[in-house]
Amino acid sequence: MDIDRELTETDKKFLTRAAKRKGLFLMSSIATVVVAVSFLVYHGLFAKDMNGLRFVIILLLLLSGRSYLRLYKSAVIFNKLQPGLAMKQSQQD
């Protein structure tokens, strides 16, 4: 697949921006999971005041972390598909 012919300039810019943000997506995923686990440990073990609302907040945080992880995986793939990078790799083979 010739990426340079298939994609418009707007698509190429989007791929480049998303690929550059992969570190941000990974750190955001880790941070939201850490916050969710901390919230669970504090309210479940120390304060012992876990209720339905707090449990829903924990679930939402974990789902957010999963979404950031998906964005990270997409950014890794976008990094491999970046215009110009694919051409360099095909020339090396």
N, C-alpha and C. Protein backbone atom coordinates (compact mmCIF):
# COMPACT_ATOMS: atom_id res chain seq x y z
N MET A 1 0.85 -1.18 0.00
CA MET A 1 0.00 0.00 0.00
C MET A 1 0.89 1.23 0.00
N ASP A 2 0.65 2.10 -0.95
CA ASP A 2 1.41 3.34 -1.04
C ASP A 2 0.69 4.41 -0.24
N ILE A 3 1.20 4.67 0.94
CA ILE A 3 0.53 5.60 1.86
C ILE A 3 0.53 7.02 1.32
N ASP A 4 1.61 7.41 0.68
CA ASP A 4 1.69 8.79 0.19
C ASP A 4 0.64 9.09 -0.88
N ARG A 5 0.25 8.09 -1.66
CA ARG A 5 -0.79 8.32 -2.68
C ARG A 5 -2.19 8.25 -2.09
N GLU A 6 -2.40 7.39 -1.11
CA GLU A 6 -3.74 7.13 -0.57
C GLU A 6 -4.24 8.24 0.36
N LEU A 7 -3.35 8.89 1.08
CA LEU A 7 -3.76 9.86 2.10
C LEU A 7 -3.68 11.29 1.60
N THR A 8 -4.61 12.10 2.09
CA THR A 8 -4.56 13.53 1.80
C THR A 8 -3.57 14.19 2.76
N GLU A 9 -3.29 15.45 2.51
CA GLU A 9 -2.37 16.18 3.39
C GLU A 9 -2.93 16.28 4.81
N THR A 10 -4.24 16.45 4.93
CA THR A 10 -4.87 16.51 6.24
C THR A 10 -4.71 15.19 6.98
N ASP A 11 -4.88 14.09 6.27
CA ASP A 11 -4.70 12.77 6.89
C ASP A 11 -3.26 12.56 7.35
N LYS A 12 -2.33 13.01 6.54
CA LYS A 12 -0.91 12.86 6.89
C LYS A 12 -0.56 13.68 8.13
N LYS A 13 -1.12 14.89 8.22
CA LYS A 13 -0.87 15.73 9.40
C LYS A 13 -1.47 15.09 10.65
N PHE A 14 -2.68 14.52 10.51
CA PHE A 14 -3.31 13.84 11.64
C PHE A 14 -2.46 12.66 12.11
N LEU A 15 -1.98 11.85 11.18
CA LEU A 15 -1.13 10.72 11.54
C LEU A 15 0.11 11.17 12.29
N THR A 16 0.72 12.22 11.80
CA THR A 16 1.94 12.73 12.44
C THR A 16 1.66 13.23 13.85
N ARG A 17 0.58 14.00 14.01
CA ARG A 17 0.24 14.53 15.35
C ARG A 17 -0.09 13.41 16.32
N ALA A 18 -0.89 12.44 15.86
CA ALA A 18 -1.27 11.33 16.75
C ALA A 18 -0.06 10.49 17.12
N ALA A 19 0.85 10.27 16.18
CA ALA A 19 2.04 9.47 16.47
C ALA A 19 2.95 10.17 17.47
N LYS A 20 3.00 11.49 17.42
CA LYS A 20 3.84 12.24 18.36
C LYS A 20 3.29 12.22 19.77
N ARG A 21 2.00 11.96 19.92
CA ARG A 21 1.37 11.99 21.24
C ARG A 21 1.32 10.63 21.93
N LYS A 22 1.99 9.64 21.40
CA LYS A 22 1.87 8.30 21.99
C LYS A 22 2.37 8.26 23.43
N GLY A 23 3.40 8.99 23.76
CA GLY A 23 3.89 9.05 25.14
C GLY A 23 2.87 9.67 26.08
N LEU A 24 2.20 10.71 25.59
CA LEU A 24 1.15 11.35 26.38
C LEU A 24 0.00 10.39 26.65
N PHE A 25 -0.38 9.62 25.64
CA PHE A 25 -1.47 8.66 25.80
C PHE A 25 -1.09 7.57 26.81
N LEU A 26 0.13 7.09 26.74
CA LEU A 26 0.56 6.05 27.68
C LEU A 26 0.60 6.58 29.11
N MET A 27 1.15 7.77 29.30
CA MET A 27 1.22 8.35 30.64
C MET A 27 -0.18 8.65 31.19
N SER A 28 -1.09 9.10 30.33
CA SER A 28 -2.47 9.35 30.77
C SER A 28 -3.15 8.07 31.19
N SER A 29 -2.91 6.99 30.46
CA SER A 29 -3.49 5.70 30.82
C SER A 29 -2.98 5.23 32.17
N ILE A 30 -1.68 5.31 32.37
CA ILE A 30 -1.09 4.90 33.64
C ILE A 30 -1.61 5.76 34.79
N ALA A 31 -1.68 7.06 34.55
CA ALA A 31 -2.12 7.98 35.61
C ALA A 31 -3.57 7.72 36.02
N THR A 32 -4.45 7.48 35.06
CA THR A 32 -5.85 7.25 35.43
C THR A 32 -6.03 5.93 36.18
N VAL A 33 -5.26 4.92 35.81
CA VAL A 33 -5.34 3.64 36.53
C VAL A 33 -4.80 3.81 37.95
N VAL A 34 -3.72 4.56 38.12
CA VAL A 34 -3.15 4.80 39.45
C VAL A 34 -4.15 5.57 40.32
N VAL A 35 -4.80 6.56 39.75
CA VAL A 35 -5.80 7.33 40.50
C VAL A 35 -6.97 6.43 40.90
N ALA A 36 -7.43 5.58 39.98
CA ALA A 36 -8.54 4.68 40.28
C ALA A 36 -8.18 3.69 41.39
N VAL A 37 -6.99 3.13 41.32
CA VAL A 37 -6.56 2.17 42.35
C VAL A 37 -6.38 2.88 43.69
N SER A 38 -5.81 4.08 43.67
CA SER A 38 -5.65 4.84 44.92
C SER A 38 -7.00 5.16 45.54
N PHE A 39 -7.94 5.57 44.71
CA PHE A 39 -9.29 5.87 45.18
C PHE A 39 -9.93 4.63 45.79
N LEU A 40 -9.76 3.50 45.12
CA LEU A 40 -10.32 2.24 45.63
C LEU A 40 -9.68 1.84 46.95
N VAL A 41 -8.38 1.94 47.04
CA VAL A 41 -7.68 1.55 48.27
C VAL A 41 -8.08 2.47 49.42
N TYR A 42 -8.12 3.77 49.16
CA TYR A 42 -8.45 4.71 50.23
C TYR A 42 -9.87 4.48 50.74
N HIS A 43 -10.83 4.49 49.81
CA HIS A 43 -12.24 4.40 50.24
C HIS A 43 -12.65 2.98 50.60
N GLY A 44 -11.98 1.99 50.05
CA GLY A 44 -12.35 0.61 50.35
C GLY A 44 -11.69 0.06 51.59
N LEU A 45 -10.43 0.43 51.83
CA LEU A 45 -9.69 -0.15 52.95
C LEU A 45 -9.52 0.79 54.15
N PHE A 46 -9.20 2.05 53.88
CA PHE A 46 -8.91 2.96 54.99
C PHE A 46 -10.16 3.66 55.51
N ALA A 47 -10.88 4.34 54.66
CA ALA A 47 -12.06 5.09 55.11
C ALA A 47 -13.28 4.19 55.29
N LYS A 48 -13.30 3.07 54.61
CA LYS A 48 -14.40 2.10 54.67
C LYS A 48 -15.76 2.76 54.44
N ASP A 49 -15.79 3.65 53.47
CA ASP A 49 -17.05 4.32 53.13
C ASP A 49 -17.37 4.17 51.63
N MET A 50 -17.05 2.99 51.10
CA MET A 50 -17.32 2.72 49.69
C MET A 50 -18.83 2.61 49.48
N ASN A 51 -19.33 3.34 48.50
CA ASN A 51 -20.74 3.24 48.14
C ASN A 51 -20.84 3.12 46.62
N GLY A 52 -22.05 3.08 46.12
CA GLY A 52 -22.26 2.89 44.69
C GLY A 52 -21.69 3.99 43.83
N LEU A 53 -21.83 5.23 44.29
CA LEU A 53 -21.32 6.36 43.52
C LEU A 53 -19.80 6.31 43.40
N ARG A 54 -19.12 6.01 44.47
CA ARG A 54 -17.66 5.93 44.43
C ARG A 54 -17.21 4.77 43.54
N PHE A 55 -17.95 3.66 43.59
CA PHE A 55 -17.62 2.52 42.74
C PHE A 55 -17.78 2.88 41.26
N VAL A 56 -18.81 3.64 40.93
CA VAL A 56 -19.03 4.07 39.55
C VAL A 56 -17.90 5.00 39.11
N ILE A 57 -17.45 5.88 39.99
CA ILE A 57 -16.33 6.75 39.66
C ILE A 57 -15.08 5.94 39.37
N ILE A 58 -14.83 4.91 40.14
CA ILE A 58 -13.68 4.04 39.91
C ILE A 58 -13.80 3.35 38.56
N LEU A 59 -14.99 2.85 38.25
CA LEU A 59 -15.19 2.19 36.96
C LEU A 59 -14.97 3.16 35.80
N LEU A 60 -15.47 4.39 35.94
CA LEU A 60 -15.27 5.38 34.89
C LEU A 60 -13.79 5.72 34.70
N LEU A 61 -13.07 5.81 35.80
CA LEU A 61 -11.63 6.07 35.69
C LEU A 61 -10.91 4.92 34.99
N LEU A 62 -11.29 3.69 35.33
CA LEU A 62 -10.67 2.54 34.68
C LEU A 62 -11.01 2.48 33.19
N LEU A 63 -12.24 2.82 32.84
CA LEU A 63 -12.62 2.86 31.43
C LEU A 63 -11.87 3.97 30.68
N SER A 64 -11.65 5.07 31.35
CA SER A 64 -10.87 6.16 30.75
C SER A 64 -9.44 5.71 30.50
N GLY A 65 -8.87 4.99 31.46
CA GLY A 65 -7.51 4.48 31.28
C GLY A 65 -7.43 3.51 30.13
N ARG A 66 -8.46 2.70 29.97
CA ARG A 66 -8.50 1.76 28.85
C ARG A 66 -8.60 2.50 27.52
N SER A 67 -9.36 3.59 27.48
CA SER A 67 -9.46 4.39 26.26
C SER A 67 -8.12 5.02 25.90
N TYR A 68 -7.42 5.53 26.90
CA TYR A 68 -6.09 6.08 26.64
C TYR A 68 -5.13 5.01 26.15
N LEU A 69 -5.26 3.79 26.66
CA LEU A 69 -4.41 2.71 26.20
C LEU A 69 -4.69 2.37 24.74
N ARG A 70 -5.95 2.41 24.35
CA ARG A 70 -6.29 2.20 22.94
C ARG A 70 -5.71 3.30 22.07
N LEU A 71 -5.77 4.53 22.55
CA LEU A 71 -5.17 5.63 21.79
C LEU A 71 -3.66 5.45 21.65
N TYR A 72 -3.03 4.94 22.70
CA TYR A 72 -1.59 4.67 22.64
C TYR A 72 -1.29 3.61 21.58
N LYS A 73 -2.06 2.54 21.59
CA LYS A 73 -1.85 1.48 20.60
C LYS A 73 -2.06 2.00 19.18
N SER A 74 -3.06 2.84 19.00
CA SER A 74 -3.29 3.44 17.69
C SER A 74 -2.13 4.34 17.29
N ALA A 75 -1.61 5.09 18.23
CA ALA A 75 -0.49 5.99 17.94
C ALA A 75 0.76 5.21 17.55
N VAL A 76 0.96 4.06 18.16
CA VAL A 76 2.11 3.22 17.78
C VAL A 76 1.95 2.75 16.34
N ILE A 77 0.75 2.35 15.97
CA ILE A 77 0.49 1.93 14.59
C ILE A 77 0.63 3.11 13.64
N PHE A 78 0.11 4.28 14.03
CA PHE A 78 0.24 5.47 13.19
C PHE A 78 1.70 5.84 12.99
N ASN A 79 2.52 5.62 14.02
CA ASN A 79 3.94 5.91 13.90
C ASN A 79 4.57 5.04 12.81
N LYS A 80 4.12 3.80 12.73
CA LYS A 80 4.64 2.91 11.69
C LYS A 80 4.13 3.27 10.31
N LEU A 81 2.96 3.91 10.23
CA LEU A 81 2.35 4.26 8.96
C LEU A 81 2.64 5.68 8.50
N GLN A 82 3.44 6.39 9.24
CA GLN A 82 3.69 7.79 8.89
C GLN A 82 4.22 7.91 7.48
N PRO A 83 3.72 8.89 6.73
CA PRO A 83 4.21 9.10 5.38
C PRO A 83 5.71 9.40 5.40
N GLY A 84 6.40 8.86 4.46
CA GLY A 84 7.85 9.04 4.42
C GLY A 84 8.57 7.95 5.17
N LEU A 85 8.09 7.61 6.36
CA LEU A 85 8.70 6.54 7.15
C LEU A 85 8.48 5.21 6.46
N ALA A 86 7.29 5.02 5.90
CA ALA A 86 7.00 3.77 5.19
C ALA A 86 7.86 3.65 3.94
N MET A 87 8.09 4.76 3.27
CA MET A 87 8.92 4.75 2.06
C MET A 87 10.36 4.40 2.42
N LYS A 88 10.87 4.95 3.52
CA LYS A 88 12.24 4.67 3.95
C LYS A 88 12.39 3.20 4.30
N GLN A 89 11.38 2.64 4.98
CA GLN A 89 11.44 1.23 5.37
C GLN A 89 11.38 0.32 4.15
N SER A 90 10.57 0.66 3.16
CA SER A 90 10.46 -0.19 1.98
C SER A 90 11.73 -0.11 1.13
N GLN A 91 12.43 1.01 1.16
CA GLN A 91 13.68 1.14 0.43
C GLN A 91 14.80 0.36 1.11
N GLN A 92 14.74 0.21 2.43
CA GLN A 92 15.76 -0.54 3.16
C GLN A 92 15.63 -2.03 2.91
N ASP A 93 14.40 -2.52 2.65
CA ASP A 93 14.18 -3.95 2.44
C ASP A 93 14.59 -4.41 1.10
